[in-house]
């Protein structure tokens, strides 16, 4: 009985590791976003980023004077930083990874 439990435990751990590899890795990045002019701009940026396959969460904020940011959590197996910055650019808001 104990042998079966150990074997089952090893199998479960293997399956969990395999699922993690297949799902990719979730990362969070903050993008510096230009050309924001009002409190509605972050909504547009957020909507553009949420349409990118692999994005799981977005928070965006207008900081004033044409500047803002977006904090994006995404699956590295489905999208890239270039895809994220392209999405904001297409929405009219150029972005780059924040320092």
PDB file of N, CA and C in Angstrom:
ATOM      1  N   UNK A   1       0.819  -1.187   0.000  1.00  0.00           N
ATOM      2  CA  UNK A   1       0.000   0.000   0.000  1.00  0.00           C
ATOM      3  C   UNK A   1       0.866   1.256   0.000  1.00  0.00           C
ATOM      4  N   UNK A   2       1.905   1.256   0.829  1.00  0.00           N
ATOM      5  CA  UNK A   2       2.801   2.409   0.914  1.00  0.00           C
ATOM      6  C   UNK A   2       3.526   2.633  -0.417  1.00  0.00           C
ATOM      7  N   UNK A   3       3.892   1.550  -1.090  1.00  0.00           N
ATOM      8  CA  UNK A   3       4.554   1.656  -2.394  1.00  0.00           C
ATOM      9  C   UNK A   3       3.652   2.369  -3.399  1.00  0.00           C
ATOM     10  N   UNK A   4       2.390   2.026  -3.377  1.00  0.00           N
ATOM     11  CA  UNK A   4       1.432   2.656  -4.287  1.00  0.00           C
ATOM     12  C   UNK A   4       1.298   4.152  -4.004  1.00  0.00           C
ATOM     13  N   UNK A   5       1.285   4.508  -2.727  1.00  0.00           N
ATOM     14  CA  UNK A   5       1.177   5.911  -2.355  1.00  0.00           C
ATOM     15  C   UNK A   5       2.398   6.697  -2.837  1.00  0.00           C
ATOM     16  N   UNK A   6       3.570   6.144  -2.666  1.00  0.00           N
ATOM     17  CA  UNK A   6       4.800   6.800  -3.105  1.00  0.00           C
ATOM     18  C   UNK A   6       4.806   6.940  -4.626  1.00  0.00           C
ATOM     19  N   UNK A   7       4.433   5.903  -5.311  1.00  0.00           N
ATOM     20  CA  UNK A   7       4.400   5.946  -6.772  1.00  0.00           C
ATOM     21  C   UNK A   7       3.381   6.989  -7.248  1.00  0.00           C
ATOM     22  N   UNK A   8       2.243   7.030  -6.614  1.00  0.00           N
ATOM     23  CA  UNK A   8       1.215   8.005  -6.981  1.00  0.00           C
ATOM     24  C   UNK A   8       1.711   9.429  -6.709  1.00  0.00           C
ATOM     25  N   UNK A   9       2.391   9.628  -5.599  1.00  0.00           N
ATOM     26  CA  UNK A   9       2.931  10.949  -5.259  1.00  0.00           C
ATOM     27  C   UNK A   9       3.954  11.404  -6.299  1.00  0.00           C
ATOM     28  N   UNK A  10       4.817  10.514  -6.719  1.00  0.00           N
ATOM     29  CA  UNK A  10       5.817  10.838  -7.736  1.00  0.00           C
ATOM     30  C   UNK A  10       5.131  11.187  -9.051  1.00  0.00           C
ATOM     31  N   UNK A  11       4.106  10.439  -9.404  1.00  0.00           N
ATOM     32  CA  UNK A  11       3.369  10.699 -10.632  1.00  0.00           C
ATOM     33  C   UNK A  11       2.690  12.075 -10.584  1.00  0.00           C
ATOM     34  N   UNK A  12       2.081  12.401  -9.468  1.00  0.00           N
ATOM     35  CA  UNK A  12       1.414  13.697  -9.318  1.00  0.00           C
ATOM     36  C   UNK A  12       2.427  14.833  -9.440  1.00  0.00           C
ATOM     37  N   UNK A  13       3.571  14.712  -8.795  1.00  0.00           N
ATOM     38  CA  UNK A  13       4.611  15.742  -8.895  1.00  0.00           C
ATOM     39  C   UNK A  13       5.090  15.903 -10.333  1.00  0.00           C
ATOM     40  N   UNK A  14       5.271  14.801 -11.023  1.00  0.00           N
ATOM     41  CA  UNK A  14       5.690  14.849 -12.425  1.00  0.00           C
ATOM     42  C   UNK A  14       4.650  15.567 -13.278  1.00  0.00           C
ATOM     43  N   UNK A  15       3.393  15.240 -13.069  1.00  0.00           N
ATOM     44  CA  UNK A  15       2.325  15.877 -13.847  1.00  0.00           C
ATOM     45  C   UNK A  15       2.228  17.368 -13.557  1.00  0.00           C
ATOM     46  N   UNK A  16       2.403  17.763 -12.314  1.00  0.00           N
ATOM     47  CA  UNK A  16       2.382  19.184 -11.963  1.00  0.00           C
ATOM     48  C   UNK A  16       3.525  19.940 -12.624  1.00  0.00           C
ATOM     49  N   UNK A  17       4.716  19.355 -12.633  1.00  0.00           N
ATOM     50  CA  UNK A  17       5.860  19.991 -13.283  1.00  0.00           C
ATOM     51  C   UNK A  17       5.641  20.091 -14.783  1.00  0.00           C
ATOM     52  N   UNK A  18       5.096  19.061 -15.383  1.00  0.00           N
ATOM     53  CA  UNK A  18       4.816  19.062 -16.817  1.00  0.00           C
ATOM     54  C   UNK A  18       3.795  20.140 -17.157  1.00  0.00           C
ATOM     55  N   UNK A  19       2.756  20.260 -16.346  1.00  0.00           N
ATOM     56  CA  UNK A  19       1.737  21.280 -16.580  1.00  0.00           C
ATOM     57  C   UNK A  19       2.340  22.673 -16.474  1.00  0.00           C
ATOM     58  N   UNK A  20       3.236  22.890 -15.530  1.00  0.00           N
ATOM     59  CA  UNK A  20       3.873  24.201 -15.374  1.00  0.00           C
ATOM     60  C   UNK A  20       4.713  24.541 -16.598  1.00  0.00           C
ATOM     61  N   UNK A  21       5.409  23.567 -17.149  1.00  0.00           N
ATOM     62  CA  UNK A  21       6.221  23.804 -18.342  1.00  0.00           C
ATOM     63  C   UNK A  21       5.334  24.120 -19.536  1.00  0.00           C
ATOM     64  N   UNK A  22       4.248  23.377 -19.691  1.00  0.00           N
ATOM     65  CA  UNK A  22       3.343  23.610 -20.807  1.00  0.00           C
ATOM     66  C   UNK A  22       2.632  24.950 -20.697  1.00  0.00           C
ATOM     67  N   UNK A  23       2.324  25.356 -19.486  1.00  0.00           N
ATOM     68  CA  UNK A  23       1.598  26.609 -19.283  1.00  0.00           C
ATOM     69  C   UNK A  23       2.508  27.818 -19.441  1.00  0.00           C
ATOM     70  N   UNK A  24       3.796  27.626 -19.382  1.00  0.00           N
ATOM     71  CA  UNK A  24       4.709  28.748 -19.453  1.00  0.00           C
ATOM     72  C   UNK A  24       4.873  29.363 -18.082  1.00  0.00           C
ATOM     73  N   UNK A  25       5.596  30.449 -18.070  1.00  0.00           N
ATOM     74  CA  UNK A  25       5.872  31.127 -16.813  1.00  0.00           C
ATOM     75  C   UNK A  25       5.153  32.467 -16.805  1.00  0.00           C
ATOM     76  N   UNK A  26       4.510  32.776 -15.696  1.00  0.00           N
ATOM     77  CA  UNK A  26       3.868  34.086 -15.577  1.00  0.00           C
ATOM     78  C   UNK A  26       4.905  35.087 -15.090  1.00  0.00           C
ATOM     79  N   UNK A  27       4.975  36.204 -15.783  1.00  0.00           N
ATOM     80  CA  UNK A  27       5.867  37.291 -15.395  1.00  0.00           C
ATOM     81  C   UNK A  27       5.063  38.568 -15.308  1.00  0.00           C
ATOM     82  N   UNK A  28       5.562  39.497 -14.529  1.00  0.00           N
ATOM     83  CA  UNK A  28       4.945  40.809 -14.422  1.00  0.00           C
ATOM     84  C   UNK A  28       5.969  41.857 -14.816  1.00  0.00           C
ATOM     85  N   UNK A  29       5.534  42.793 -15.642  1.00  0.00           N
ATOM     86  CA  UNK A  29       6.404  43.868 -16.098  1.00  0.00           C
ATOM     87  C   UNK A  29       5.645  45.186 -15.976  1.00  0.00           C
ATOM     88  N   UNK A  30       6.374  46.242 -15.697  1.00  0.00           N
ATOM     89  CA  UNK A  30       5.784  47.573 -15.698  1.00  0.00           C
ATOM     90  C   UNK A  30       6.273  48.285 -16.953  1.00  0.00           C
ATOM     91  N   UNK A  31       5.327  48.790 -17.724  1.00  0.00           N
ATOM     92  CA  UNK A  31       5.633  49.540 -18.931  1.00  0.00           C
ATOM     93  C   UNK A  31       5.449  51.029 -18.656  1.00  0.00           C
ATOM     94  N   UNK A  32       6.404  51.836 -19.098  1.00  0.00           N
ATOM     95  CA  UNK A  32       6.243  53.287 -19.076  1.00  0.00           C
ATOM     96  C   UNK A  32       5.463  53.638 -20.340  1.00  0.00           C
ATOM     97  N   UNK A  33       4.347  54.327 -20.190  1.00  0.00           N
ATOM     98  CA  UNK A  33       3.454  54.601 -21.321  1.00  0.00           C
ATOM     99  C   UNK A  33       3.417  56.107 -21.582  1.00  0.00           C
ATOM    100  N   UNK A  34       3.692  56.485 -22.834  1.00  0.00           N
ATOM    101  CA  UNK A  34       3.698  57.892 -23.239  1.00  0.00           C
ATOM    102  C   UNK A  34       2.370  58.287 -23.871  1.00  0.00           C
ATOM    103  N   UNK A  35       2.187  59.589 -24.018  1.00  0.00           N
ATOM    104  CA  UNK A  35       1.051  60.212 -24.707  1.00  0.00           C
ATOM    105  C   UNK A  35      -0.279  60.090 -23.973  1.00  0.00           C
ATOM    106  N   UNK A  36      -0.247  59.747 -22.693  1.00  0.00           N
ATOM    107  CA  UNK A  36      -1.478  59.760 -21.919  1.00  0.00           C
ATOM    108  C   UNK A  36      -1.793  61.216 -21.569  1.00  0.00           C
ATOM    109  N   UNK A  37      -3.053  61.612 -21.757  1.00  0.00           N
ATOM    110  CA  UNK A  37      -3.424  63.003 -21.512  1.00  0.00           C
ATOM    111  C   UNK A  37      -4.567  63.171 -20.518  1.00  0.00           C
ATOM    112  N   UNK A  38      -5.196  62.063 -20.123  1.00  0.00           N
ATOM    113  CA  UNK A  38      -6.327  62.183 -19.193  1.00  0.00           C
ATOM    114  C   UNK A  38      -6.544  60.851 -18.479  1.00  0.00           C
ATOM    115  N   UNK A  39      -7.524  60.845 -17.595  1.00  0.00           N
ATOM    116  CA  UNK A  39      -7.815  59.633 -16.824  1.00  0.00           C
ATOM    117  C   UNK A  39      -8.505  58.538 -17.631  1.00  0.00           C
ATOM    118  N   UNK A  40      -8.913  58.838 -18.854  1.00  0.00           N
ATOM    119  CA  UNK A  40      -9.523  57.816 -19.718  1.00  0.00           C
ATOM    120  C   UNK A  40      -8.451  57.004 -20.468  1.00  0.00           C
ATOM    121  N   UNK A  41      -7.277  57.589 -20.650  1.00  0.00           N
ATOM    122  CA  UNK A  41      -6.210  56.911 -21.405  1.00  0.00           C
ATOM    123  C   UNK A  41      -5.840  55.541 -20.826  1.00  0.00           C
ATOM    124  N   UNK A  42      -5.712  55.403 -19.508  1.00  0.00           N
ATOM    125  CA  UNK A  42      -5.375  54.081 -18.975  1.00  0.00           C
ATOM    126  C   UNK A  42      -6.402  53.005 -19.320  1.00  0.00           C
ATOM    127  N   UNK A  43      -7.642  53.400 -19.475  1.00  0.00           N
ATOM    128  CA  UNK A  43      -8.674  52.428 -19.845  1.00  0.00           C
ATOM    129  C   UNK A  43      -8.402  51.886 -21.238  1.00  0.00           C
ATOM    130  N   UNK A  44      -8.031  52.775 -22.162  1.00  0.00           N
ATOM    131  CA  UNK A  44      -7.704  52.352 -23.526  1.00  0.00           C
ATOM    132  C   UNK A  44      -6.484  51.446 -23.526  1.00  0.00           C
ATOM    133  N   UNK A  45      -5.455  51.827 -22.758  1.00  0.00           N
ATOM    134  CA  UNK A  45      -4.234  51.018 -22.666  1.00  0.00           C
ATOM    135  C   UNK A  45      -4.554  49.648 -22.075  1.00  0.00           C
ATOM    136  N   UNK A  46      -5.326  49.635 -21.017  1.00  0.00           N
ATOM    137  CA  UNK A  46      -5.689  48.371 -20.363  1.00  0.00           C
ATOM    138  C   UNK A  46      -6.460  47.460 -21.316  1.00  0.00           C
ATOM    139  N   UNK A  47      -7.417  48.021 -22.019  1.00  0.00           N
ATOM    140  CA  UNK A  47      -8.196  47.213 -22.966  1.00  0.00           C
ATOM    141  C   UNK A  47      -7.324  46.657 -24.089  1.00  0.00           C
ATOM    142  N   UNK A  48      -6.387  47.459 -24.587  1.00  0.00           N
ATOM    143  CA  UNK A  48      -5.491  46.983 -25.651  1.00  0.00           C
ATOM    144  C   UNK A  48      -4.619  45.833 -25.154  1.00  0.00           C
ATOM    145  N   UNK A  49      -4.101  45.954 -23.945  1.00  0.00           N
ATOM    146  CA  UNK A  49      -3.231  44.913 -23.404  1.00  0.00           C
ATOM    147  C   UNK A  49      -4.007  43.639 -23.064  1.00  0.00           C
ATOM    148  N   UNK A  50      -5.233  43.781 -22.596  1.00  0.00           N
ATOM    149  CA  UNK A  50      -6.033  42.601 -22.253  1.00  0.00           C
ATOM    150  C   UNK A  50      -6.376  41.758 -23.476  1.00  0.00           C
ATOM    151  N   UNK A  51      -6.325  42.355 -24.663  1.00  0.00           N
ATOM    152  CA  UNK A  51      -6.611  41.613 -25.895  1.00  0.00           C
ATOM    153  C   UNK A  51      -5.438  40.741 -26.336  1.00  0.00           C
ATOM    154  N   UNK A  52      -4.255  40.968 -25.772  1.00  0.00           N
ATOM    155  CA  UNK A  52      -3.073  40.194 -26.138  1.00  0.00           C
ATOM    156  C   UNK A  52      -3.175  38.809 -25.507  1.00  0.00           C
ATOM    157  N   UNK A  53      -3.058  37.774 -26.344  1.00  0.00           N
ATOM    158  CA  UNK A  53      -3.128  36.402 -25.861  1.00  0.00           C
ATOM    159  C   UNK A  53      -2.025  36.162 -24.827  1.00  0.00           C
ATOM    160  N   UNK A  54      -2.402  35.642 -23.673  1.00  0.00           N
ATOM    161  CA  UNK A  54      -1.431  35.344 -22.624  1.00  0.00           C
ATOM    162  C   UNK A  54      -1.421  36.364 -21.502  1.00  0.00           C
ATOM    163  N   UNK A  55      -2.045  37.513 -21.691  1.00  0.00           N
ATOM    164  CA  UNK A  55      -2.113  38.519 -20.633  1.00  0.00           C
ATOM    165  C   UNK A  55      -3.188  38.101 -19.635  1.00  0.00           C
ATOM    166  N   UNK A  56      -2.814  38.067 -18.365  1.00  0.00           N
ATOM    167  CA  UNK A  56      -3.756  37.627 -17.340  1.00  0.00           C
ATOM    168  C   UNK A  56      -4.248  38.764 -16.457  1.00  0.00           C
ATOM    169  N   UNK A  57      -3.461  39.841 -16.351  1.00  0.00           N
ATOM    170  CA  UNK A  57      -3.873  40.955 -15.498  1.00  0.00           C
ATOM    171  C   UNK A  57      -3.195  42.241 -15.963  1.00  0.00           C
ATOM    172  N   UNK A  58      -3.942  43.352 -15.899  1.00  0.00           N
ATOM    173  CA  UNK A  58      -3.403  44.654 -16.272  1.00  0.00           C
ATOM    174  C   UNK A  58      -3.916  45.714 -15.301  1.00  0.00           C
ATOM    175  N   UNK A  59      -3.002  46.543 -14.842  1.00  0.00           N
ATOM    176  CA  UNK A  59      -3.349  47.734 -14.069  1.00  0.00           C
ATOM    177  C   UNK A  59      -2.644  48.889 -14.765  1.00  0.00           C
ATOM    178  N   UNK A  60      -3.378  49.948 -15.078  1.00  0.00           N
ATOM    179  CA  UNK A  60      -2.785  51.098 -15.763  1.00  0.00           C
ATOM    180  C   UNK A  60      -3.168  52.376 -15.037  1.00  0.00           C
ATOM    181  N   UNK A  61      -2.275  53.377 -15.097  1.00  0.00           N
ATOM    182  CA  UNK A  61      -2.529  54.640 -14.403  1.00  0.00           C
ATOM    183  C   UNK A  61      -1.923  55.803 -15.170  1.00  0.00           C
ATOM    184  N   UNK A  62      -2.669  56.891 -15.209  1.00  0.00           N
ATOM    185  CA  UNK A  62      -2.218  58.165 -15.775  1.00  0.00           C
ATOM    186  C   UNK A  62      -1.532  58.947 -14.669  1.00  0.00           C
ATOM    187  N   UNK A  63      -0.307  59.402 -14.939  1.00  0.00           N
ATOM    188  CA  UNK A  63       0.470  60.125 -13.934  1.00  0.00           C
ATOM    189  C   UNK A  63       0.524  61.624 -14.197  1.00  0.00           C
ATOM    190  N   UNK A  64      -0.014  62.083 -15.318  1.00  0.00           N
ATOM    191  CA  UNK A  64       0.027  63.509 -15.650  1.00  0.00           C
ATOM    192  C   UNK A  64       1.145  63.836 -16.612  1.00  0.00           C
ATOM    193  N   UNK A  65       1.029  65.002 -17.239  1.00  0.00           N
ATOM    194  CA  UNK A  65       2.045  65.507 -18.164  1.00  0.00           C
ATOM    195  C   UNK A  65       2.405  64.513 -19.267  1.00  0.00           C
ATOM    196  N   UNK A  66       1.429  63.786 -19.761  1.00  0.00           N
ATOM    197  CA  UNK A  66       1.650  62.874 -20.877  1.00  0.00           C
ATOM    198  C   UNK A  66       2.233  61.525 -20.506  1.00  0.00           C
ATOM    199  N   UNK A  67       2.388  61.269 -19.220  1.00  0.00           N
ATOM    200  CA  UNK A  67       3.022  60.023 -18.780  1.00  0.00           C
ATOM    201  C   UNK A  67       2.065  59.135 -18.001  1.00  0.00           C
ATOM    202  N   UNK A  68       2.322  57.846 -18.075  1.00  0.00           N
ATOM    203  CA  UNK A  68       1.570  56.873 -17.308  1.00  0.00           C
ATOM    204  C   UNK A  68       2.328  55.568 -17.272  1.00  0.00           C
ATOM    205  N   UNK A  69       1.702  54.560 -16.727  1.00  0.00           N
ATOM    206  CA  UNK A  69       2.333  53.244 -16.660  1.00  0.00           C
ATOM    207  C   UNK A  69       1.264  52.159 -16.725  1.00  0.00           C
ATOM    208  N   UNK A  70       1.736  50.977 -17.046  1.00  0.00           N
ATOM    209  CA  UNK A  70       0.871  49.795 -17.046  1.00  0.00           C
ATOM    210  C   UNK A  70       1.666  48.637 -16.452  1.00  0.00           C
ATOM    211  N   UNK A  71       1.076  47.981 -15.483  1.00  0.00           N
ATOM    212  CA  UNK A  71       1.681  46.793 -14.878  1.00  0.00           C
ATOM    213  C   UNK A  71       0.948  45.598 -15.465  1.00  0.00           C
ATOM    214  N   UNK A  72       1.693  44.733 -16.155  1.00  0.00           N
ATOM    215  CA  UNK A  72       1.091  43.646 -16.923  1.00  0.00           C
ATOM    216  C   UNK A  72       1.634  42.297 -16.454  1.00  0.00           C
ATOM    217  N   UNK A  73       0.732  41.371 -16.173  1.00  0.00           N
ATOM    218  CA  UNK A  73       1.117  39.990 -15.876  1.00  0.00           C
ATOM    219  C   UNK A  73       0.750  39.162 -17.098  1.00  0.00           C
ATOM    220  N   UNK A  74       1.738  38.392 -17.587  1.00  0.00           N
ATOM    221  CA  UNK A  74       1.530  37.656 -18.824  1.00  0.00           C
ATOM    222  C   UNK A  74       2.243  36.315 -18.805  1.00  0.00           C
ATOM    223  N   UNK A  75       1.778  35.409 -19.657  1.00  0.00           N
ATOM    224  CA  UNK A  75       2.343  34.066 -19.820  1.00  0.00           C
ATOM    225  C   UNK A  75       3.438  34.150 -20.878  1.00  0.00           C
ATOM    226  N   UNK A  76       4.671  33.861 -20.477  1.00  0.00           N
ATOM    227  CA  UNK A  76       5.807  33.986 -21.394  1.00  0.00           C
ATOM    228  C   UNK A  76       5.762  32.998 -22.553  1.00  0.00           C
ATOM    229  N   UNK A  77       4.970  31.943 -22.431  1.00  0.00           N
ATOM    230  CA  UNK A  77       4.882  30.985 -23.533  1.00  0.00           C
ATOM    231  C   UNK A  77       3.903  31.455 -24.612  1.00  0.00           C
ATOM    232  N   UNK A  78       3.102  32.481 -24.300  1.00  0.00           N
ATOM    233  CA  UNK A  78       2.096  32.949 -25.246  1.00  0.00           C
ATOM    234  C   UNK A  78       2.373  34.333 -25.809  1.00  0.00           C
ATOM    235  N   UNK A  79       3.145  35.139 -25.110  1.00  0.00           N
ATOM    236  CA  UNK A  79       3.388  36.498 -25.585  1.00  0.00           C
ATOM    237  C   UNK A  79       4.748  36.993 -25.105  1.00  0.00           C
ATOM    238  N   UNK A  80       5.131  38.149 -25.607  1.00  0.00           N
ATOM    239  CA  UNK A  80       6.440  38.718 -25.274  1.00  0.00           C
ATOM    240  C   UNK A  80       6.289  40.198 -24.952  1.00  0.00           C
ATOM    241  N   UNK A  81       7.348  40.783 -24.466  1.00  0.00           N
ATOM    242  CA  UNK A  81       7.346  42.216 -24.188  1.00  0.00           C
ATOM    243  C   UNK A  81       7.115  42.996 -25.473  1.00  0.00           C
ATOM    244  N   UNK A  82       7.697  42.540 -26.565  1.00  0.00           N
ATOM    245  CA  UNK A  82       7.475  43.209 -27.854  1.00  0.00           C
ATOM    246  C   UNK A  82       5.998  43.215 -28.235  1.00  0.00           C
ATOM    247  N   UNK A  83       5.294  42.121 -27.973  1.00  0.00           N
ATOM    248  CA  UNK A  83       3.855  42.055 -28.261  1.00  0.00           C
ATOM    249  C   UNK A  83       3.088  43.065 -27.408  1.00  0.00           C
ATOM    250  N   UNK A  84       3.495  43.211 -26.154  1.00  0.00           N
ATOM    251  CA  UNK A  84       2.825  44.143 -25.250  1.00  0.00           C
ATOM    252  C   UNK A  84       3.031  45.590 -25.694  1.00  0.00           C
ATOM    253  N   UNK A  85       4.273  45.930 -26.016  1.00  0.00           N
ATOM    254  CA  UNK A  85       4.545  47.305 -26.447  1.00  0.00           C
ATOM    255  C   UNK A  85       3.896  47.592 -27.800  1.00  0.00           C
ATOM    256  N   UNK A  86       3.807  46.584 -28.648  1.00  0.00           N
ATOM    257  CA  UNK A  86       3.126  46.757 -29.938  1.00  0.00           C
ATOM    258  C   UNK A  86       1.644  47.051 -29.714  1.00  0.00           C
ATOM    259  N   UNK A  87       1.039  46.357 -28.769  1.00  0.00           N
ATOM    260  CA  UNK A  87      -0.390  46.562 -28.486  1.00  0.00           C
ATOM    261  C   UNK A  87      -0.657  47.988 -28.018  1.00  0.00           C
ATOM    262  N   UNK A  88       0.184  48.513 -27.149  1.00  0.00           N
ATOM    263  CA  UNK A  88      -0.040  49.888 -26.687  1.00  0.00           C
ATOM    264  C   UNK A  88       0.235  50.885 -27.807  1.00  0.00           C
ATOM    265  N   UNK A  89       1.236  50.613 -28.612  1.00  0.00           N
ATOM    266  CA  UNK A  89       1.552  51.485 -29.761  1.00  0.00           C
ATOM    267  C   UNK A  89       0.378  51.547 -30.727  1.00  0.00           C
ATOM    268  N   UNK A  90      -0.204  50.391 -31.020  1.00  0.00           N
ATOM    269  CA  UNK A  90      -1.349  50.339 -31.924  1.00  0.00           C
ATOM    270  C   UNK A  90      -2.554  51.092 -31.367  1.00  0.00           C
ATOM    271  N   UNK A  91      -2.643  51.177 -30.040  1.00  0.00           N
ATOM    272  CA  UNK A  91      -3.737  51.907 -29.400  1.00  0.00           C
ATOM    273  C   UNK A  91      -3.437  53.406 -29.313  1.00  0.00           C
ATOM    274  N   UNK A  92      -2.245  53.804 -29.756  1.00  0.00           N
ATOM    275  CA  UNK A  92      -1.877  55.223 -29.753  1.00  0.00           C
ATOM    276  C   UNK A  92      -1.026  55.653 -28.590  1.00  0.00           C
ATOM    277  N   UNK A  93      -0.520  54.687 -27.819  1.00  0.00           N
ATOM    278  CA  UNK A  93       0.264  54.990 -26.639  1.00  0.00           C
ATOM    279  C   UNK A  93       1.578  54.203 -26.652  1.00  0.00           C
ATOM    280  N   UNK A  94       2.638  54.813 -27.164  1.00  0.00           N
ATOM    281  CA  UNK A  94       3.933  54.108 -27.188  1.00  0.00           C
ATOM    282  C   UNK A  94       4.374  53.749 -25.755  1.00  0.00           C
ATOM    283  N   UNK A  95       5.012  52.609 -25.622  1.00  0.00           N
ATOM    284  CA  UNK A  95       5.469  52.188 -24.302  1.00  0.00           C
ATOM    285  C   UNK A  95       6.806  51.476 -24.411  1.00  0.00           C
ATOM    286  N   UNK A  96       7.449  51.364 -23.263  1.00  0.00           N
ATOM    287  CA  UNK A  96       8.711  50.613 -23.155  1.00  0.00           C
ATOM    288  C   UNK A  96       8.820  50.119 -21.729  1.00  0.00           C
ATOM    289  N   UNK A  97       9.606  49.077 -21.507  1.00  0.00           N
ATOM    290  CA  UNK A  97       9.767  48.586 -20.138  1.00  0.00           C
ATOM    291  C   UNK A  97      10.295  49.715 -19.246  1.00  0.00           C
ATOM    292  N   UNK A  98       9.695  49.863 -18.081  1.00  0.00           N
ATOM    293  CA  UNK A  98      10.129  50.890 -17.134  1.00  0.00           C
ATOM    294  C   UNK A  98      11.450  50.461 -16.506  1.00  0.00           C
ATOM    295  N   UNK A  99      12.286  51.440 -16.228  1.00  0.00           N
ATOM    296  CA  UNK A  99      13.585  51.103 -15.587  1.00  0.00           C
ATOM    297  C   UNK A  99      13.421  50.563 -14.182  1.00  0.00           C
TER     298      UNK A  99
END
